[in-house]
N, C-alpha and C. Protein backbone atom coordinates (compact mmCIF):
# COMPACT_ATOMS: atom_id res chain seq x y z
N MET A 1 0.87 -1.25 -0.04
CA MET A 1 0.03 0.07 -0.05
C MET A 1 0.88 1.23 -0.01
N GLN A 2 1.87 1.23 0.81
CA GLN A 2 2.76 2.46 0.95
C GLN A 2 3.53 2.61 -0.40
N LEU A 3 3.92 1.61 -1.09
CA LEU A 3 4.61 1.72 -2.36
C LEU A 3 3.71 2.35 -3.40
N GLY A 4 2.35 1.89 -3.30
CA GLY A 4 1.44 2.52 -4.25
C GLY A 4 1.24 4.00 -4.07
N GLN A 5 1.31 4.48 -2.79
CA GLN A 5 1.21 5.91 -2.52
C GLN A 5 2.47 6.61 -3.02
N GLN A 6 3.60 5.95 -2.83
CA GLN A 6 4.83 6.56 -3.30
C GLN A 6 4.85 6.67 -4.84
N VAL A 7 4.36 5.67 -5.55
CA VAL A 7 4.28 5.74 -6.98
C VAL A 7 3.36 6.91 -7.39
N GLN A 8 2.18 6.92 -6.74
CA GLN A 8 1.29 8.07 -7.11
C GLN A 8 1.91 9.32 -6.92
N GLY A 9 2.69 9.58 -5.77
CA GLY A 9 3.32 10.76 -5.54
C GLY A 9 4.38 11.07 -6.55
N ARG A 10 5.13 10.14 -6.99
CA ARG A 10 6.13 10.33 -8.03
C ARG A 10 5.52 10.62 -9.38
N LEU A 11 4.42 9.99 -9.64
CA LEU A 11 3.74 10.27 -10.91
C LEU A 11 3.27 11.81 -10.95
N ALA A 12 2.61 12.13 -9.84
CA ALA A 12 2.15 13.51 -9.78
C ALA A 12 3.33 14.52 -9.86
N GLU A 13 4.46 14.18 -9.21
CA GLU A 13 5.65 15.07 -9.33
C GLU A 13 6.11 15.15 -10.76
N MET A 14 6.16 13.97 -11.41
CA MET A 14 6.60 13.92 -12.86
C MET A 14 5.70 14.74 -13.69
N GLN A 15 4.38 14.56 -13.52
CA GLN A 15 3.39 15.47 -14.32
C GLN A 15 3.60 16.95 -14.10
N SER A 16 3.96 17.32 -12.91
CA SER A 16 4.19 18.72 -12.53
C SER A 16 5.47 19.18 -13.20
N GLN A 17 6.48 18.31 -13.26
CA GLN A 17 7.78 18.70 -13.83
C GLN A 17 7.64 18.81 -15.37
N LEU A 18 6.85 17.89 -15.93
CA LEU A 18 6.60 18.01 -17.43
C LEU A 18 5.83 19.24 -17.73
N ALA A 19 4.96 19.82 -16.90
CA ALA A 19 4.22 21.01 -17.22
C ALA A 19 5.19 22.20 -17.15
N GLN A 20 6.30 22.07 -16.49
CA GLN A 20 7.29 23.22 -16.44
C GLN A 20 8.26 23.24 -17.50
N ARG A 21 8.34 22.15 -18.17
CA ARG A 21 9.40 22.01 -19.30
C ARG A 21 8.79 22.44 -20.61
N THR A 22 9.68 22.84 -21.49
CA THR A 22 9.18 23.31 -22.82
C THR A 22 9.70 22.38 -23.90
N VAL A 23 8.96 22.09 -24.83
CA VAL A 23 9.43 21.28 -25.98
C VAL A 23 9.00 22.01 -27.25
N THR A 24 9.88 22.02 -28.32
CA THR A 24 9.53 22.80 -29.54
C THR A 24 9.61 21.84 -30.74
N GLY A 25 8.62 21.93 -31.63
CA GLY A 25 8.54 21.25 -32.84
C GLY A 25 8.65 22.29 -33.91
N SER A 26 9.15 21.91 -35.16
CA SER A 26 9.20 22.78 -36.22
C SER A 26 9.02 22.08 -37.59
N ALA A 27 8.75 22.94 -38.57
CA ALA A 27 8.63 22.38 -39.89
C ALA A 27 9.01 23.50 -40.92
N GLY A 28 9.36 23.10 -42.14
CA GLY A 28 9.70 23.99 -43.13
C GLY A 28 11.06 24.69 -42.81
N GLY A 29 11.99 23.88 -42.23
CA GLY A 29 13.32 24.44 -41.95
C GLY A 29 13.26 25.45 -40.93
N GLY A 30 12.29 25.37 -39.94
CA GLY A 30 12.13 26.33 -38.90
C GLY A 30 11.17 27.56 -39.23
N MET A 31 10.61 27.53 -40.34
CA MET A 31 9.77 28.62 -40.69
C MET A 31 8.43 28.59 -39.92
N VAL A 32 8.10 27.39 -39.39
CA VAL A 32 6.98 27.30 -38.56
C VAL A 32 7.46 26.54 -37.35
N THR A 33 7.28 27.17 -36.11
CA THR A 33 7.65 26.50 -34.89
C THR A 33 6.48 26.46 -33.93
N VAL A 34 6.34 25.47 -33.14
CA VAL A 34 5.33 25.34 -32.14
C VAL A 34 6.03 24.96 -30.81
N ALA A 35 5.73 25.68 -29.74
CA ALA A 35 6.29 25.43 -28.47
C ALA A 35 5.22 24.99 -27.52
N ALA A 36 5.47 24.01 -26.70
CA ALA A 36 4.41 23.43 -25.76
C ALA A 36 5.16 23.02 -24.53
N ASP A 37 4.31 22.73 -23.54
CA ASP A 37 4.85 22.16 -22.30
C ASP A 37 5.14 20.66 -22.51
N GLY A 38 5.72 20.00 -21.56
CA GLY A 38 6.12 18.67 -21.64
C GLY A 38 4.92 17.67 -21.79
N ARG A 39 3.71 18.24 -21.51
CA ARG A 39 2.55 17.37 -21.57
C ARG A 39 1.90 17.50 -22.94
N GLY A 40 2.44 18.45 -23.79
CA GLY A 40 1.91 18.59 -25.13
C GLY A 40 0.91 19.82 -25.27
N GLN A 41 0.72 20.56 -24.18
CA GLN A 41 -0.16 21.72 -24.25
C GLN A 41 0.50 22.77 -25.00
N VAL A 42 0.02 23.27 -26.15
CA VAL A 42 0.64 24.29 -26.99
C VAL A 42 0.61 25.66 -26.21
N ARG A 43 1.78 26.25 -26.26
CA ARG A 43 1.99 27.53 -25.59
C ARG A 43 2.05 28.65 -26.65
N SER A 44 2.76 28.34 -27.74
CA SER A 44 2.93 29.38 -28.76
C SER A 44 3.20 28.71 -30.17
N VAL A 45 2.79 29.60 -31.15
CA VAL A 45 3.07 29.21 -32.51
C VAL A 45 3.78 30.39 -33.22
N HIS A 46 4.76 30.12 -33.92
CA HIS A 46 5.54 31.17 -34.68
C HIS A 46 5.53 30.75 -36.13
N ILE A 47 5.04 31.69 -36.99
CA ILE A 47 5.09 31.52 -38.44
C ILE A 47 5.80 32.67 -39.04
N ASP A 48 6.84 32.27 -39.79
CA ASP A 48 7.67 33.23 -40.52
C ASP A 48 6.81 34.11 -41.37
N PRO A 49 6.83 35.42 -41.33
CA PRO A 49 5.98 36.32 -42.11
C PRO A 49 6.06 36.06 -43.61
N SER A 50 7.11 35.52 -44.11
CA SER A 50 7.16 35.30 -45.56
C SER A 50 6.19 34.19 -46.01
N LEU A 51 5.66 33.40 -45.05
CA LEU A 51 4.74 32.37 -45.42
C LEU A 51 3.30 32.93 -45.57
N LEU A 52 3.04 34.09 -45.04
CA LEU A 52 1.68 34.64 -44.89
C LEU A 52 1.14 35.01 -46.21
N SER A 53 1.96 35.36 -47.22
CA SER A 53 1.47 35.78 -48.55
C SER A 53 1.54 34.61 -49.55
N GLY A 54 1.77 33.45 -49.02
CA GLY A 54 1.91 32.31 -49.97
C GLY A 54 0.64 31.34 -50.01
N ASP A 55 0.95 30.14 -50.31
CA ASP A 55 -0.07 29.15 -50.40
C ASP A 55 -0.68 28.79 -49.03
N VAL A 56 -1.94 28.92 -48.89
CA VAL A 56 -2.59 28.72 -47.56
C VAL A 56 -2.54 27.15 -47.19
N GLU A 57 -2.71 26.30 -48.20
CA GLU A 57 -2.58 24.84 -47.93
C GLU A 57 -1.22 24.43 -47.43
N MET A 58 -0.21 25.08 -48.10
CA MET A 58 1.14 24.71 -47.62
C MET A 58 1.35 25.14 -46.17
N LEU A 59 0.89 26.31 -45.89
CA LEU A 59 1.02 26.85 -44.54
C LEU A 59 0.30 25.92 -43.49
N GLU A 60 -0.89 25.49 -43.85
CA GLU A 60 -1.57 24.52 -43.04
C GLU A 60 -0.88 23.25 -42.82
N ASP A 61 -0.28 22.73 -43.90
CA ASP A 61 0.56 21.52 -43.87
C ASP A 61 1.77 21.79 -42.91
N LEU A 62 2.38 22.92 -42.97
CA LEU A 62 3.58 23.18 -42.20
C LEU A 62 3.13 23.34 -40.70
N VAL A 63 2.11 23.93 -40.45
CA VAL A 63 1.60 24.05 -39.05
C VAL A 63 1.29 22.65 -38.53
N ALA A 64 0.60 21.92 -39.25
CA ALA A 64 0.26 20.48 -38.86
C ALA A 64 1.49 19.63 -38.58
N ALA A 65 2.55 19.85 -39.49
CA ALA A 65 3.77 19.07 -39.31
C ALA A 65 4.51 19.55 -38.07
N ALA A 66 4.53 20.83 -37.81
CA ALA A 66 5.20 21.36 -36.66
C ALA A 66 4.50 20.87 -35.36
N VAL A 67 3.21 20.77 -35.35
CA VAL A 67 2.46 20.31 -34.15
C VAL A 67 2.80 18.82 -33.98
N ALA A 68 2.76 18.05 -35.04
CA ALA A 68 3.08 16.60 -34.96
C ALA A 68 4.53 16.43 -34.37
N ASP A 69 5.40 17.21 -34.88
CA ASP A 69 6.79 17.08 -34.41
C ASP A 69 6.87 17.42 -32.92
N MET A 70 6.25 18.47 -32.50
CA MET A 70 6.23 18.86 -31.07
C MET A 70 5.55 17.71 -30.20
N GLN A 71 4.44 17.19 -30.67
CA GLN A 71 3.83 16.15 -29.92
C GLN A 71 4.64 14.86 -29.76
N LYS A 72 5.39 14.63 -30.78
CA LYS A 72 6.33 13.38 -30.73
C LYS A 72 7.43 13.71 -29.73
N ARG A 73 8.03 14.94 -29.80
CA ARG A 73 9.03 15.22 -28.79
C ARG A 73 8.48 15.22 -27.32
N ALA A 74 7.30 15.71 -27.17
CA ALA A 74 6.64 15.81 -25.83
C ALA A 74 6.38 14.37 -25.40
N ALA A 75 5.93 13.50 -26.20
CA ALA A 75 5.74 12.09 -25.89
C ALA A 75 6.96 11.44 -25.54
N ASP A 76 8.05 11.62 -26.33
CA ASP A 76 9.36 11.08 -26.05
C ASP A 76 9.90 11.43 -24.64
N MET A 77 9.69 12.81 -24.30
CA MET A 77 10.15 13.31 -23.06
C MET A 77 9.41 12.64 -21.93
N ALA A 78 8.06 12.45 -22.10
CA ALA A 78 7.20 11.88 -21.10
C ALA A 78 7.68 10.42 -20.88
N GLN A 79 7.97 9.75 -21.97
CA GLN A 79 8.43 8.30 -21.94
C GLN A 79 9.73 8.21 -21.23
N ASP A 80 10.64 9.08 -21.49
CA ASP A 80 11.89 9.06 -20.76
C ASP A 80 11.72 9.26 -19.30
N GLU A 81 10.85 10.14 -18.87
CA GLU A 81 10.54 10.31 -17.48
C GLU A 81 9.93 9.16 -16.85
N MET A 82 9.04 8.46 -17.60
CA MET A 82 8.41 7.32 -17.09
C MET A 82 9.41 6.19 -16.85
N ARG A 83 10.38 6.07 -17.81
CA ARG A 83 11.42 5.03 -17.70
C ARG A 83 12.25 5.27 -16.41
N LYS A 84 12.54 6.51 -16.17
CA LYS A 84 13.27 6.91 -14.96
C LYS A 84 12.45 6.48 -13.69
N LEU A 85 11.14 6.76 -13.69
CA LEU A 85 10.38 6.40 -12.62
C LEU A 85 10.31 4.86 -12.41
N GLN A 86 10.14 4.12 -13.55
CA GLN A 86 9.94 2.75 -13.44
C GLN A 86 11.26 2.07 -12.99
N SER A 87 12.37 2.66 -13.31
CA SER A 87 13.70 2.00 -12.98
C SER A 87 13.82 1.90 -11.50
N GLY A 88 13.18 2.70 -10.66
CA GLY A 88 13.30 2.55 -9.27
C GLY A 88 12.25 1.73 -8.56
N LEU A 89 11.43 0.97 -9.38
CA LEU A 89 10.39 0.17 -8.88
C LEU A 89 10.76 -1.36 -8.95
N PRO A 90 10.23 -2.11 -8.07
CA PRO A 90 10.46 -3.48 -8.14
C PRO A 90 9.63 -4.24 -9.18
N PHE A 91 8.75 -3.55 -9.93
CA PHE A 91 7.84 -4.12 -10.79
C PHE A 91 7.48 -3.11 -11.87
N PRO A 92 7.13 -3.55 -13.07
CA PRO A 92 6.78 -2.52 -14.10
C PRO A 92 5.37 -1.95 -13.92
N LEU A 93 5.22 -0.72 -14.27
CA LEU A 93 3.88 -0.13 -14.20
C LEU A 93 3.02 -0.68 -15.37
N PRO A 94 1.75 -0.91 -15.15
CA PRO A 94 0.90 -1.58 -16.12
C PRO A 94 0.34 -0.53 -17.23
N PHE A 95 1.03 0.60 -17.29
CA PHE A 95 0.56 1.62 -18.31
C PHE A 95 1.76 2.40 -18.76
N SER A 96 1.50 3.19 -19.82
CA SER A 96 2.56 4.09 -20.25
C SER A 96 1.88 5.47 -20.50
N LEU A 97 2.66 6.57 -20.67
CA LEU A 97 2.12 7.90 -20.93
C LEU A 97 1.92 7.99 -22.46
């Protein structure tokens, strides 16, 4: 029972730490960037002004690609933290982030 409470506490701490970290995804050679916290919550989007007068569909694709890149990086960061948490346990957790 006590181990379960420790795991819950460590998970809550990990979630809090992820919320404080920043991950950035980009597309188009950095012409579109998306910054988010470690949980994947978008904080900002930057679009190079030169893209604003161009093809709207291309811009939409670049934004989608930048968001996908950021989400992958955020998921990788969360998985790394989960591995660190699991390494100190005598058993594997039955879930992943």
